[in-house]
C-alpha cells in the first residue's frame, strides 16, 4: 500500500504526480485500476509498469521572504533523490497588487495587536499609590461622580462624606485613603491622565501602523507606566 502524494519517476525524471488513489495509464498506454496502489506487489509493478520508480513526494515551501512569494518550478526541475522527490520552488517578486494586499493584511493585524495590548493594559487598571484603579466605563463614571462631590466639598457647598473619605476601593479590594476632597481630586486626576495617555498612545501607534513602516511599530513599547 502506498501513501500519497506519490511521484512516478522514469529515467531519473518526474513523469507524473498522483495526489490520491486513482486509475492511471501505465507504459504502452495500458490502463490500470486504482486498486493497484493497494494490492500490487513490487514484482507486479516491475512487470506491469517497467521503468517506473514510485517515490513519495516532499513538498516543503521555503521560508517566507518579504516582498516575494514561492512559485513551484516545473516537474522537470524537481529534485529526484534515492528515497523521495522534492518539489523545487523559486522566489518571485510580488506584483504591486499583491504587495498592497499583503501590506493591508499586515496593517490590520498590527492594529488588532495594538488594540489587544491597549485593552490588556486597561483591564489591569491605572496605577496609583501602589494600587490599581478600575478604568472601565463604570469605573470612570464612578470617578467622575466622586470628583463632582469633591468639587462641591472644596467650595463648601457640601460635606466630604464618609462614603468617599473612607477611601477609594482599588481593584485588589483594598482602600486608597481619601481623607480630604483634594485627595479625591488627585486620585481622579492621576487616573484620568493615565487613561488618556494610554488611549492617545494607542491612537499614535495605530496611526503609524496605518501610514508608516510596520517594522518600526512596536505595540509593546511606549505605554504609560
N, C-alpha and C. Protein backbone atom coordinates (compact mmCIF):
# COMPACT_ATOMS: atom_id res chain seq x y z
N UNK A 1 0.85 -1.19 0.00
CA UNK A 1 0.00 0.00 0.00
C UNK A 1 0.89 1.24 0.00
N UNK A 2 0.50 2.21 -0.79
CA UNK A 2 1.27 3.44 -0.90
C UNK A 2 0.60 4.58 -0.14
N UNK A 3 1.42 5.52 0.27
CA UNK A 3 0.92 6.72 0.94
C UNK A 3 1.08 7.90 -0.01
N UNK A 4 0.00 8.60 -0.23
CA UNK A 4 0.01 9.71 -1.19
C UNK A 4 0.37 11.02 -0.48
N UNK A 5 0.87 12.00 -1.29
CA UNK A 5 1.08 12.01 -2.74
C UNK A 5 2.31 11.21 -3.14
N UNK A 6 2.28 10.75 -4.40
CA UNK A 6 3.36 9.92 -4.94
C UNK A 6 3.82 10.48 -6.28
N UNK A 7 5.05 10.13 -6.62
CA UNK A 7 5.63 10.57 -7.89
C UNK A 7 6.12 9.34 -8.65
N UNK A 8 5.82 9.33 -9.93
CA UNK A 8 6.37 8.30 -10.81
C UNK A 8 7.61 8.88 -11.48
N UNK A 9 8.72 8.19 -11.31
CA UNK A 9 9.99 8.63 -11.90
C UNK A 9 10.39 7.64 -12.98
N UNK A 10 10.75 8.19 -14.13
CA UNK A 10 11.28 7.36 -15.22
C UNK A 10 12.55 8.02 -15.73
N UNK A 11 13.61 7.24 -15.80
CA UNK A 11 14.86 7.80 -16.30
C UNK A 11 15.37 8.96 -15.47
N UNK A 12 15.16 8.91 -14.16
CA UNK A 12 15.61 9.94 -13.23
C UNK A 12 14.90 11.28 -13.43
N UNK A 13 13.73 11.23 -14.04
CA UNK A 13 12.93 12.45 -14.22
C UNK A 13 11.51 12.17 -13.74
N UNK A 14 10.85 13.23 -13.28
CA UNK A 14 9.47 13.10 -12.82
C UNK A 14 8.56 12.95 -14.02
N UNK A 15 7.80 11.86 -14.03
CA UNK A 15 6.89 11.62 -15.15
C UNK A 15 5.45 11.98 -14.80
N UNK A 16 5.07 11.75 -13.55
CA UNK A 16 3.68 12.02 -13.15
C UNK A 16 3.61 12.16 -11.64
N UNK A 17 2.58 12.88 -11.21
CA UNK A 17 2.32 13.07 -9.78
C UNK A 17 0.90 12.60 -9.50
N UNK A 18 0.75 11.81 -8.45
CA UNK A 18 -0.56 11.32 -8.04
C UNK A 18 -0.85 11.83 -6.64
N UNK A 19 -1.86 12.69 -6.53
CA UNK A 19 -2.23 13.25 -5.23
C UNK A 19 -3.09 12.29 -4.42
N UNK A 20 -3.75 11.38 -5.10
CA UNK A 20 -4.64 10.44 -4.41
C UNK A 20 -4.76 9.17 -5.24
N UNK A 21 -5.35 8.16 -4.64
CA UNK A 21 -5.54 6.87 -5.28
C UNK A 21 -6.52 7.03 -6.46
N UNK A 22 -6.09 6.62 -7.64
CA UNK A 22 -6.94 6.77 -8.82
C UNK A 22 -6.46 5.83 -9.92
N UNK A 23 -7.32 5.62 -10.91
CA UNK A 23 -6.90 4.87 -12.08
C UNK A 23 -5.75 5.60 -12.76
N UNK A 24 -4.93 4.87 -13.49
CA UNK A 24 -3.80 5.51 -14.17
C UNK A 24 -3.46 4.76 -15.44
N UNK A 25 -2.74 5.44 -16.29
CA UNK A 25 -2.29 4.86 -17.55
C UNK A 25 -0.82 4.52 -17.42
N UNK A 26 -0.50 3.26 -17.62
CA UNK A 26 0.88 2.80 -17.50
C UNK A 26 1.62 2.83 -18.82
N UNK A 27 2.81 2.29 -18.84
CA UNK A 27 3.58 2.22 -20.09
C UNK A 27 2.79 1.50 -21.18
N UNK A 28 2.96 1.98 -22.39
CA UNK A 28 2.22 1.40 -23.50
C UNK A 28 0.77 1.81 -23.52
N UNK A 29 0.44 2.88 -22.78
CA UNK A 29 -0.93 3.40 -22.70
C UNK A 29 -1.92 2.36 -22.19
N UNK A 30 -1.43 1.49 -21.30
CA UNK A 30 -2.30 0.46 -20.72
C UNK A 30 -2.95 1.02 -19.46
N UNK A 31 -4.30 1.00 -19.38
CA UNK A 31 -4.97 1.49 -18.16
C UNK A 31 -4.88 0.47 -17.03
N UNK A 32 -4.79 1.01 -15.83
CA UNK A 32 -4.72 0.15 -14.65
C UNK A 32 -5.70 0.67 -13.60
N UNK A 33 -6.24 -0.22 -12.79
CA UNK A 33 -7.25 0.18 -11.80
C UNK A 33 -6.62 0.88 -10.59
N UNK A 34 -7.43 1.64 -9.90
CA UNK A 34 -6.97 2.34 -8.69
C UNK A 34 -6.52 1.37 -7.62
N UNK A 35 -7.09 0.16 -7.62
CA UNK A 35 -6.74 -0.83 -6.60
C UNK A 35 -5.28 -1.27 -6.69
N UNK A 36 -4.64 -0.98 -7.82
CA UNK A 36 -3.24 -1.37 -7.96
C UNK A 36 -2.36 -0.74 -6.89
N UNK A 37 -2.71 0.49 -6.49
CA UNK A 37 -1.91 1.18 -5.48
C UNK A 37 -1.92 0.42 -4.15
N UNK A 38 -3.00 -0.30 -3.90
CA UNK A 38 -3.12 -1.00 -2.62
C UNK A 38 -2.60 -2.44 -2.66
N UNK A 39 -2.74 -3.08 -3.82
CA UNK A 39 -2.56 -4.54 -3.82
C UNK A 39 -1.42 -5.05 -4.68
N UNK A 40 -0.90 -4.26 -5.58
CA UNK A 40 0.18 -4.78 -6.40
C UNK A 40 1.44 -4.99 -5.57
N UNK A 41 2.13 -6.07 -5.88
CA UNK A 41 3.42 -6.34 -5.24
C UNK A 41 4.52 -5.64 -6.04
N UNK A 42 5.71 -5.50 -5.47
CA UNK A 42 6.82 -4.91 -6.24
C UNK A 42 7.07 -5.65 -7.55
N UNK A 43 6.89 -6.97 -7.53
CA UNK A 43 7.10 -7.73 -8.76
C UNK A 43 6.06 -7.37 -9.81
N UNK A 44 4.81 -7.16 -9.38
CA UNK A 44 3.76 -6.78 -10.32
C UNK A 44 4.02 -5.39 -10.89
N UNK A 45 4.47 -4.47 -10.04
CA UNK A 45 4.80 -3.13 -10.54
C UNK A 45 5.91 -3.22 -11.59
N UNK A 46 6.92 -4.02 -11.30
CA UNK A 46 8.04 -4.14 -12.23
C UNK A 46 7.60 -4.77 -13.55
N UNK A 47 6.66 -5.72 -13.47
CA UNK A 47 6.22 -6.41 -14.68
C UNK A 47 5.24 -5.58 -15.49
N UNK A 48 4.31 -4.91 -14.81
CA UNK A 48 3.24 -4.20 -15.50
C UNK A 48 3.58 -2.75 -15.82
N UNK A 49 4.50 -2.16 -15.04
CA UNK A 49 4.91 -0.77 -15.28
C UNK A 49 6.44 -0.71 -15.31
N UNK A 50 7.05 -1.38 -16.28
CA UNK A 50 8.52 -1.42 -16.33
C UNK A 50 9.11 -0.02 -16.50
N UNK A 51 10.19 0.22 -15.80
CA UNK A 51 10.85 1.52 -15.88
C UNK A 51 10.32 2.55 -14.91
N UNK A 52 9.24 2.21 -14.21
CA UNK A 52 8.67 3.14 -13.23
C UNK A 52 9.34 2.95 -11.87
N UNK A 53 9.67 4.05 -11.25
CA UNK A 53 10.06 4.06 -9.84
C UNK A 53 9.07 4.97 -9.12
N UNK A 54 8.44 4.44 -8.09
CA UNK A 54 7.43 5.21 -7.35
C UNK A 54 8.04 5.69 -6.04
N UNK A 55 8.03 7.01 -5.87
CA UNK A 55 8.65 7.62 -4.69
C UNK A 55 7.68 8.58 -4.02
N UNK A 56 7.81 8.76 -2.71
CA UNK A 56 6.98 9.76 -2.03
C UNK A 56 7.37 11.18 -2.44
N UNK A 57 6.41 12.08 -2.31
CA UNK A 57 6.64 13.49 -2.66
C UNK A 57 6.87 14.30 -1.40
N UNK A 58 7.93 15.09 -1.39
CA UNK A 58 8.21 16.02 -0.30
C UNK A 58 7.95 17.43 -0.83
N UNK A 59 6.96 18.09 -0.24
CA UNK A 59 6.57 19.43 -0.71
C UNK A 59 6.67 20.40 0.46
N UNK A 60 7.82 20.99 0.63
CA UNK A 60 8.05 21.94 1.72
C UNK A 60 8.39 23.30 1.13
N UNK A 61 7.49 24.25 1.34
CA UNK A 61 7.74 25.59 0.82
C UNK A 61 8.88 26.24 1.60
N UNK A 62 9.69 27.04 0.93
CA UNK A 62 10.80 27.72 1.60
C UNK A 62 10.28 28.79 2.55
N UNK A 63 11.13 29.28 3.45
CA UNK A 63 10.71 30.35 4.36
C UNK A 63 10.22 31.57 3.59
N UNK A 64 9.25 32.26 4.18
CA UNK A 64 8.70 33.45 3.54
C UNK A 64 9.74 34.56 3.51
N UNK A 65 9.85 35.21 2.36
CA UNK A 65 10.75 36.35 2.19
C UNK A 65 9.91 37.57 1.88
N UNK A 66 10.19 38.67 2.57
CA UNK A 66 9.40 39.89 2.38
C UNK A 66 9.42 40.31 0.92
N UNK A 67 8.24 40.62 0.40
CA UNK A 67 8.13 41.11 -0.96
C UNK A 67 8.18 40.04 -2.04
N UNK A 68 8.20 38.77 -1.62
CA UNK A 68 8.27 37.69 -2.61
C UNK A 68 7.28 36.58 -2.26
N UNK A 69 7.02 35.74 -3.23
CA UNK A 69 6.23 34.54 -2.99
C UNK A 69 6.92 33.37 -3.67
N UNK A 70 6.68 32.19 -3.14
CA UNK A 70 7.32 30.99 -3.68
C UNK A 70 6.45 30.39 -4.77
N UNK A 71 7.05 30.12 -5.91
CA UNK A 71 6.34 29.53 -7.05
C UNK A 71 6.96 28.17 -7.37
N UNK A 72 6.10 27.18 -7.54
CA UNK A 72 6.58 25.85 -7.91
C UNK A 72 7.26 25.87 -9.27
N UNK A 73 8.43 25.27 -9.33
CA UNK A 73 9.09 25.10 -10.61
C UNK A 73 8.44 23.92 -11.36
N UNK A 74 8.63 23.84 -12.66
CA UNK A 74 8.08 22.72 -13.43
C UNK A 74 8.61 21.37 -12.93
N UNK A 75 7.88 20.31 -13.25
CA UNK A 75 8.27 18.97 -12.80
C UNK A 75 9.71 18.63 -13.17
N UNK A 76 10.15 19.10 -14.31
CA UNK A 76 11.49 18.77 -14.77
C UNK A 76 12.57 19.33 -13.85
N UNK A 77 12.22 20.34 -13.06
CA UNK A 77 13.20 20.96 -12.17
C UNK A 77 13.15 20.40 -10.75
N UNK A 78 12.24 19.47 -10.48
CA UNK A 78 12.17 18.91 -9.14
C UNK A 78 13.39 18.02 -8.88
N UNK A 79 13.70 17.86 -7.61
CA UNK A 79 14.88 17.10 -7.23
C UNK A 79 14.50 15.64 -6.97
N UNK A 80 15.09 14.75 -7.75
CA UNK A 80 14.83 13.32 -7.60
C UNK A 80 15.95 12.71 -6.76
N UNK A 81 15.57 12.21 -5.58
CA UNK A 81 16.53 11.56 -4.71
C UNK A 81 16.35 10.06 -4.70
N UNK A 82 17.15 9.40 -3.90
CA UNK A 82 17.07 7.95 -3.84
C UNK A 82 15.80 7.48 -3.15
N UNK A 83 15.30 8.29 -2.20
CA UNK A 83 14.15 7.86 -1.40
C UNK A 83 12.91 8.73 -1.58
N UNK A 84 13.03 9.88 -2.24
CA UNK A 84 11.89 10.78 -2.37
C UNK A 84 12.18 11.80 -3.47
N UNK A 85 11.10 12.45 -3.88
CA UNK A 85 11.20 13.56 -4.84
C UNK A 85 10.79 14.83 -4.11
N UNK A 86 11.60 15.87 -4.25
CA UNK A 86 11.33 17.14 -3.56
C UNK A 86 10.91 18.20 -4.57
N UNK A 87 9.83 18.89 -4.24
CA UNK A 87 9.38 19.99 -5.08
C UNK A 87 10.39 21.14 -4.99
N UNK A 88 10.67 21.75 -6.11
CA UNK A 88 11.58 22.90 -6.14
C UNK A 88 10.76 24.17 -6.30
N UNK A 89 11.10 25.17 -5.48
CA UNK A 89 10.40 26.45 -5.53
C UNK A 89 11.36 27.56 -5.95
N UNK A 90 10.79 28.59 -6.55
CA UNK A 90 11.56 29.76 -6.95
C UNK A 90 10.90 31.01 -6.36
N UNK A 91 11.65 31.86 -5.67
CA UNK A 91 11.06 33.10 -5.15
C UNK A 91 10.88 34.11 -6.28
N UNK A 92 9.70 34.67 -6.38
CA UNK A 92 9.43 35.71 -7.38
C UNK A 92 8.86 36.93 -6.68
N UNK A 93 9.09 38.08 -7.28
CA UNK A 93 8.61 39.33 -6.70
C UNK A 93 7.08 39.37 -6.73
N UNK A 94 6.50 39.89 -5.65
CA UNK A 94 5.06 40.11 -5.63
C UNK A 94 4.70 41.22 -6.60
N UNK A 95 3.53 41.12 -7.18
CA UNK A 95 3.03 42.19 -8.03
C UNK A 95 2.63 43.37 -7.16
N UNK A 96 2.51 44.56 -7.75
CA UNK A 96 2.06 45.71 -6.95
C UNK A 96 0.74 45.43 -6.22
N UNK A 97 -0.18 44.74 -6.89
CA UNK A 97 -1.46 44.44 -6.25
C UNK A 97 -1.28 43.48 -5.08
N UNK A 98 -0.41 42.48 -5.26
CA UNK A 98 -0.14 41.53 -4.18
C UNK A 98 0.56 42.21 -3.01
N UNK A 99 1.49 43.10 -3.32
CA UNK A 99 2.17 43.85 -2.25
C UNK A 99 1.18 44.68 -1.45
N UNK A 100 0.27 45.35 -2.17
CA UNK A 100 -0.72 46.18 -1.48
C UNK A 100 -1.63 45.33 -0.61
N UNK A 101 -2.05 44.17 -1.12
CA UNK A 101 -2.94 43.30 -0.34
C UNK A 101 -2.22 42.75 0.88
N UNK A 102 -0.96 42.35 0.70
CA UNK A 102 -0.18 41.83 1.83
C UNK A 102 0.01 42.89 2.90
N UNK A 103 0.33 44.11 2.45
CA UNK A 103 0.53 45.20 3.40
C UNK A 103 -0.76 45.53 4.13
N UNK A 104 -1.88 45.49 3.41
CA UNK A 104 -3.17 45.78 4.04
C UNK A 104 -3.48 44.76 5.13
N UNK A 105 -3.25 43.49 4.85
CA UNK A 105 -3.49 42.44 5.85
C UNK A 105 -2.58 42.64 7.05
N UNK A 106 -1.32 42.97 6.78
CA UNK A 106 -0.37 43.18 7.88
C UNK A 106 -0.76 44.37 8.73
N UNK A 107 -1.25 45.42 8.10
CA UNK A 107 -1.67 46.61 8.86
C UNK A 107 -2.87 46.28 9.76
N UNK A 108 -3.82 45.54 9.22
CA UNK A 108 -4.99 45.15 10.02
C UNK A 108 -4.56 44.31 11.21
N UNK A 109 -3.63 43.39 10.99
CA UNK A 109 -3.15 42.54 12.08
C UNK A 109 -2.42 43.37 13.14
N UNK A 110 -1.64 44.35 12.69
CA UNK A 110 -0.91 45.20 13.64
C UNK A 110 -1.87 46.04 14.47
N UNK A 111 -2.90 46.60 13.83
CA UNK A 111 -3.89 47.38 14.58
C UNK A 111 -4.60 46.50 15.60
N UNK A 112 -4.92 45.27 15.22
CA UNK A 112 -5.56 44.35 16.17
C UNK A 112 -4.64 44.07 17.35
N UNK A 113 -3.34 43.92 17.09
CA UNK A 113 -2.38 43.68 18.17
C UNK A 113 -2.29 44.89 19.10
N UNK A 114 -2.34 46.08 18.52
CA UNK A 114 -2.31 47.31 19.32
C UNK A 114 -3.55 47.39 20.20
N UNK A 115 -4.70 47.13 19.62
CA UNK A 115 -5.94 47.17 20.40
C UNK A 115 -5.92 46.15 21.53
N UNK A 116 -5.38 44.97 21.25
CA UNK A 116 -5.32 43.93 22.28
C UNK A 116 -4.42 44.35 23.43
N UNK A 117 -3.29 44.96 23.12
CA UNK A 117 -2.38 45.41 24.18
C UNK A 117 -2.99 46.57 24.97
N UNK A 118 -3.66 47.47 24.26
CA UNK A 118 -4.37 48.56 24.95
C UNK A 118 -5.41 48.00 25.91
N UNK A 119 -6.23 47.08 25.44
CA UNK A 119 -7.29 46.52 26.28
C UNK A 119 -6.71 45.75 27.46
N UNK A 120 -5.59 45.07 27.22
CA UNK A 120 -4.96 44.34 28.33
C UNK A 120 -4.51 45.32 29.42
N UNK A 121 -3.92 46.41 29.01
CA UNK A 121 -3.44 47.39 29.99
C UNK A 121 -4.61 48.06 30.72
N UNK A 122 -5.66 48.36 29.99
CA UNK A 122 -6.83 48.96 30.64
C UNK A 122 -7.45 47.98 31.64
N UNK A 123 -7.41 46.71 31.32
CA UNK A 123 -8.06 45.72 32.19
C UNK A 123 -7.37 45.59 33.54
N UNK A 124 -6.07 45.90 33.60
CA UNK A 124 -5.37 45.79 34.89
C UNK A 124 -5.47 47.08 35.70
N UNK A 125 -6.03 48.13 35.10
CA UNK A 125 -6.27 49.36 35.85
C UNK A 125 -5.11 50.33 35.85
N UNK A 126 -5.42 51.55 36.29
CA UNK A 126 -4.41 52.61 36.36
C UNK A 126 -3.64 52.52 37.67
N UNK A 127 -2.33 52.75 37.63
CA UNK A 127 -1.54 52.70 38.86
C UNK A 127 -1.74 53.96 39.70
N UNK A 128 -1.88 53.76 41.01
CA UNK A 128 -1.98 54.91 41.91
C UNK A 128 -1.68 54.44 43.32
N UNK A 129 -0.71 55.07 43.94
CA UNK A 129 -0.36 54.78 45.34
C UNK A 129 -0.14 53.29 45.58
N UNK A 130 0.50 52.63 44.64
CA UNK A 130 0.78 51.21 44.79
C UNK A 130 -0.40 50.30 44.53
N UNK A 131 -1.50 50.86 44.08
CA UNK A 131 -2.71 50.08 43.78
C UNK A 131 -3.08 50.23 42.31
N UNK A 132 -4.10 49.49 41.92
CA UNK A 132 -4.64 49.61 40.57
C UNK A 132 -6.09 50.04 40.67
N UNK A 133 -6.42 51.09 39.91
CA UNK A 133 -7.77 51.67 39.94
C UNK A 133 -8.50 51.29 38.66
N UNK A 134 -9.73 50.82 38.81
CA UNK A 134 -10.52 50.38 37.66
C UNK A 134 -10.80 51.55 36.72
N UNK A 135 -10.63 51.30 35.41
CA UNK A 135 -10.89 52.34 34.42
C UNK A 135 -11.89 51.87 33.36
N UNK A 136 -12.74 50.92 33.73
CA UNK A 136 -13.84 50.54 32.83
C UNK A 136 -14.79 51.72 32.71
N UNK A 137 -15.80 51.60 31.84
CA UNK A 137 -16.79 52.67 31.73
C UNK A 137 -17.40 52.99 33.09
N UNK A 138 -17.75 51.96 33.84
CA UNK A 138 -18.33 52.17 35.16
C UNK A 138 -17.31 52.79 36.11
N UNK A 139 -16.07 52.28 36.05
CA UNK A 139 -15.05 52.81 36.94
C UNK A 139 -14.81 54.29 36.71
N UNK A 140 -14.76 54.70 35.44
CA UNK A 140 -14.54 56.12 35.14
C UNK A 140 -15.75 56.95 35.51
N UNK A 141 -16.95 56.40 35.34
CA UNK A 141 -18.16 57.12 35.75
C UNK A 141 -18.17 57.33 37.26
N UNK A 142 -17.77 56.31 38.01
CA UNK A 142 -17.70 56.44 39.47
C UNK A 142 -16.69 57.50 39.88
N UNK A 143 -15.56 57.55 39.19
CA UNK A 143 -14.56 58.57 39.48
C UNK A 143 -15.12 59.96 39.19
N UNK A 144 -15.87 60.08 38.10
CA UNK A 144 -16.48 61.37 37.78
C UNK A 144 -17.44 61.83 38.85
N UNK A 145 -18.23 60.89 39.38
CA UNK A 145 -19.14 61.24 40.46
C UNK A 145 -18.40 61.66 41.71
N UNK A 146 -17.30 60.99 42.00
CA UNK A 146 -16.50 61.34 43.17
C UNK A 146 -15.90 62.73 43.02
N UNK A 147 -15.42 63.07 41.82
CA UNK A 147 -14.83 64.39 41.59
C UNK A 147 -15.88 65.48 41.76
N UNK A 148 -17.09 65.23 41.27
CA UNK A 148 -18.16 66.22 41.46
C UNK A 148 -18.41 66.47 42.94
N UNK A 149 -18.43 65.39 43.73
CA UNK A 149 -18.61 65.55 45.18
C UNK A 149 -17.44 66.29 45.80
N UNK A 150 -16.22 66.03 45.32
CA UNK A 150 -15.04 66.70 45.86
C UNK A 150 -15.07 68.19 45.56
N UNK A 151 -15.51 68.55 44.36
CA UNK A 151 -15.59 69.97 44.00
C UNK A 151 -16.62 70.68 44.87
N UNK A 152 -17.75 70.05 45.08
CA UNK A 152 -18.76 70.64 45.96
C UNK A 152 -18.22 70.80 47.38
N UNK A 153 -17.46 69.82 47.83
CA UNK A 153 -16.92 69.89 49.19
C UNK A 153 -15.88 70.99 49.32
N UNK A 154 -15.02 71.14 48.31
CA UNK A 154 -13.99 72.18 48.39
C UNK A 154 -14.60 73.58 48.33
N UNK A 155 -15.77 73.69 47.70
CA UNK A 155 -16.43 75.00 47.63
C UNK A 155 -17.27 75.28 48.87
N UNK A 156 -17.41 74.29 49.72
CA UNK A 156 -18.22 74.46 50.92
C UNK A 156 -19.69 74.20 50.70
N UNK A 157 -20.06 73.77 49.50
CA UNK A 157 -21.47 73.55 49.20
C UNK A 157 -21.96 72.22 49.74
N UNK A 158 -21.04 71.33 50.08
CA UNK A 158 -21.43 70.02 50.61
C UNK A 158 -20.29 69.49 51.47
N UNK A 159 -20.62 68.49 52.27
CA UNK A 159 -19.60 67.86 53.09
C UNK A 159 -18.88 66.77 52.30
N UNK A 160 -17.65 66.50 52.70
CA UNK A 160 -16.91 65.38 52.13
C UNK A 160 -17.32 64.15 52.93
N UNK A 161 -18.28 63.42 52.39
CA UNK A 161 -18.92 62.36 53.15
C UNK A 161 -18.03 61.17 53.43
N UNK A 162 -18.46 60.37 54.39
CA UNK A 162 -17.70 59.20 54.80
C UNK A 162 -17.58 58.18 53.66
N UNK A 163 -18.58 58.18 52.79
CA UNK A 163 -18.54 57.24 51.68
C UNK A 163 -17.31 57.39 50.80
N UNK A 164 -16.79 58.62 50.70
CA UNK A 164 -15.55 58.85 49.97
C UNK A 164 -14.36 58.92 50.91
N UNK A 165 -14.53 59.54 52.05
CA UNK A 165 -13.41 59.76 52.97
C UNK A 165 -12.81 58.44 53.46
N UNK A 166 -13.59 57.39 53.54
CA UNK A 166 -13.05 56.11 54.00
C UNK A 166 -12.08 55.50 52.99
N UNK A 167 -12.12 56.00 51.77
CA UNK A 167 -11.15 55.55 50.78
C UNK A 167 -11.79 55.00 49.51
N UNK A 168 -11.01 55.06 48.45
CA UNK A 168 -11.45 54.52 47.16
C UNK A 168 -11.06 53.05 47.09
N UNK A 169 -12.00 52.20 46.71
CA UNK A 169 -11.74 50.77 46.69
C UNK A 169 -11.02 50.41 45.39
N UNK A 170 -9.78 49.94 45.55
CA UNK A 170 -8.95 49.58 44.40
C UNK A 170 -9.33 48.20 43.88
N UNK A 171 -8.67 47.78 42.81
CA UNK A 171 -9.02 46.51 42.17
C UNK A 171 -8.65 45.29 43.01
N UNK A 172 -7.75 45.47 43.98
CA UNK A 172 -7.44 44.36 44.89
C UNK A 172 -8.35 44.35 46.11
N UNK A 173 -9.40 45.21 46.05
CA UNK A 173 -10.42 45.31 47.10
C UNK A 173 -9.90 45.97 48.38
N UNK A 174 -8.76 46.63 48.28
CA UNK A 174 -8.27 47.42 49.40
C UNK A 174 -8.52 48.90 49.13
N UNK A 175 -8.51 49.70 50.20
CA UNK A 175 -8.86 51.11 50.07
C UNK A 175 -7.62 51.99 49.87
N UNK A 176 -7.80 52.99 49.01
CA UNK A 176 -6.83 54.08 48.88
C UNK A 176 -7.38 55.25 49.68
N UNK A 177 -6.70 55.70 50.73
CA UNK A 177 -7.24 56.75 51.60
C UNK A 177 -7.55 58.04 50.83
N UNK A 178 -8.72 58.60 51.10
CA UNK A 178 -9.13 59.90 50.55
C UNK A 178 -9.62 60.76 51.71
N UNK A 179 -8.70 61.19 52.54
CA UNK A 179 -9.10 61.89 53.76
C UNK A 179 -9.71 63.25 53.47
N UNK A 180 -9.31 63.87 52.35
CA UNK A 180 -9.83 65.19 52.01
C UNK A 180 -10.35 65.18 50.58
N UNK A 181 -11.17 66.17 50.22
CA UNK A 181 -11.63 66.26 48.84
C UNK A 181 -10.47 66.37 47.85
N UNK A 182 -9.40 67.05 48.25
CA UNK A 182 -8.26 67.19 47.36
C UNK A 182 -7.59 65.85 47.09
N UNK A 183 -7.65 64.95 48.07
CA UNK A 183 -7.14 63.60 47.83
C UNK A 183 -7.93 62.91 46.72
N UNK A 184 -9.24 63.11 46.76
CA UNK A 184 -10.08 62.51 45.73
C UNK A 184 -9.81 63.10 44.36
N UNK A 185 -9.63 64.43 44.31
CA UNK A 185 -9.33 65.08 43.03
C UNK A 185 -7.98 64.61 42.49
N UNK A 186 -7.01 64.46 43.40
CA UNK A 186 -5.69 64.00 42.98
C UNK A 186 -5.76 62.59 42.40
N UNK A 187 -6.50 61.71 43.04
CA UNK A 187 -6.64 60.35 42.53
C UNK A 187 -7.28 60.34 41.16
N UNK A 188 -8.40 61.04 41.03
CA UNK A 188 -9.12 61.06 39.76
C UNK A 188 -8.27 61.69 38.66
N UNK A 189 -7.53 62.75 39.02
CA UNK A 189 -6.68 63.40 38.02
C UNK A 189 -5.58 62.48 37.53
N UNK A 190 -4.96 61.77 38.44
CA UNK A 190 -3.89 60.86 38.06
C UNK A 190 -4.41 59.71 37.20
N UNK A 191 -5.53 59.14 37.63
CA UNK A 191 -6.11 58.02 36.88
C UNK A 191 -6.57 58.49 35.50
N UNK A 192 -7.22 59.66 35.46
CA UNK A 192 -7.68 60.19 34.19
C UNK A 192 -6.54 60.47 33.23
N UNK A 193 -5.43 60.99 33.77
CA UNK A 193 -4.28 61.27 32.93
C UNK A 193 -3.70 59.97 32.37
N UNK A 194 -3.59 58.95 33.23
CA UNK A 194 -3.07 57.66 32.77
C UNK A 194 -3.97 57.07 31.68
N UNK A 195 -5.26 57.14 31.90
CA UNK A 195 -6.20 56.61 30.92
C UNK A 195 -6.07 57.36 29.59
N UNK A 196 -6.02 58.68 29.67
CA UNK A 196 -5.90 59.47 28.46
C UNK A 196 -4.61 59.19 27.71
N UNK A 197 -3.50 59.10 28.44
CA UNK A 197 -2.22 58.80 27.81
C UNK A 197 -2.23 57.42 27.15
N UNK A 198 -2.89 56.47 27.80
CA UNK A 198 -2.98 55.12 27.23
C UNK A 198 -3.76 55.15 25.92
N UNK A 199 -4.88 55.83 25.91
CA UNK A 199 -5.69 55.91 24.69
C UNK A 199 -4.96 56.67 23.59
N UNK A 200 -4.28 57.75 23.96
CA UNK A 200 -3.55 58.54 22.96
C UNK A 200 -2.40 57.74 22.36
N UNK A 201 -1.71 56.98 23.22
CA UNK A 201 -0.59 56.18 22.69
C UNK A 201 -1.11 55.10 21.75
N UNK A 202 -2.23 54.49 22.09
CA UNK A 202 -2.83 53.51 21.19
C UNK A 202 -3.17 54.15 19.84
N UNK A 203 -3.72 55.35 19.89
CA UNK A 203 -4.06 56.06 18.66
C UNK A 203 -2.81 56.38 17.84
N UNK A 204 -1.75 56.82 18.51
CA UNK A 204 -0.50 57.13 17.81
C UNK A 204 0.07 55.88 17.13
N UNK A 205 0.06 54.76 17.86
CA UNK A 205 0.57 53.52 17.28
C UNK A 205 -0.25 53.09 16.07
N UNK A 206 -1.56 53.21 16.17
CA UNK A 206 -2.41 52.81 15.05
C UNK A 206 -2.23 53.73 13.86
N UNK A 207 -2.08 55.03 14.11
CA UNK A 207 -1.82 55.96 13.01
C UNK A 207 -0.52 55.58 12.29
N UNK A 208 0.50 55.25 13.09
CA UNK A 208 1.79 54.86 12.50
C UNK A 208 1.66 53.55 11.73
N UNK A 209 0.89 52.61 12.27
CA UNK A 209 0.72 51.32 11.61
C UNK A 209 -0.03 51.45 10.29
N UNK A 210 -0.95 52.38 10.22
CA UNK A 210 -1.76 52.54 9.02
C UNK A 210 -1.08 53.37 7.95
N UNK A 211 -0.04 54.12 8.34
CA UNK A 211 0.57 55.03 7.38
C UNK A 211 2.05 54.81 7.14
N UNK A 212 2.73 54.16 8.08
CA UNK A 212 4.18 54.10 8.00
C UNK A 212 4.74 52.69 7.89
N UNK A 213 6.00 52.58 8.29
CA UNK A 213 6.73 51.32 8.25
C UNK A 213 6.31 50.44 9.42
N UNK A 214 5.70 49.30 9.13
CA UNK A 214 5.19 48.43 10.19
C UNK A 214 6.30 47.90 11.09
N UNK A 215 7.49 47.72 10.53
CA UNK A 215 8.58 47.17 11.35
C UNK A 215 9.01 48.15 12.43
N UNK A 216 8.66 49.41 12.28
CA UNK A 216 9.03 50.42 13.28
C UNK A 216 7.98 50.57 14.37
N UNK A 217 6.87 49.87 14.25
CA UNK A 217 5.77 50.00 15.21
C UNK A 217 5.82 48.83 16.19
N UNK A 218 6.12 49.14 17.44
CA UNK A 218 6.18 48.12 18.50
C UNK A 218 5.01 48.33 19.44
N UNK A 219 4.02 47.44 19.35
CA UNK A 219 2.81 47.61 20.16
C UNK A 219 3.04 47.38 21.65
N UNK A 220 4.22 46.92 22.02
CA UNK A 220 4.50 46.66 23.43
C UNK A 220 5.29 47.78 24.09
N UNK A 221 5.69 48.77 23.32
CA UNK A 221 6.58 49.81 23.85
C UNK A 221 5.89 51.16 23.94
N UNK A 222 6.38 51.99 24.87
CA UNK A 222 5.98 53.39 24.94
C UNK A 222 4.74 53.70 25.74
N UNK A 223 4.12 52.70 26.35
CA UNK A 223 2.89 52.93 27.11
C UNK A 223 3.21 53.63 28.43
N UNK A 224 2.24 54.38 28.98
CA UNK A 224 2.45 54.97 30.31
C UNK A 224 2.58 53.87 31.35
N UNK A 225 3.34 54.17 32.40
CA UNK A 225 3.58 53.16 33.44
C UNK A 225 2.33 52.81 34.22
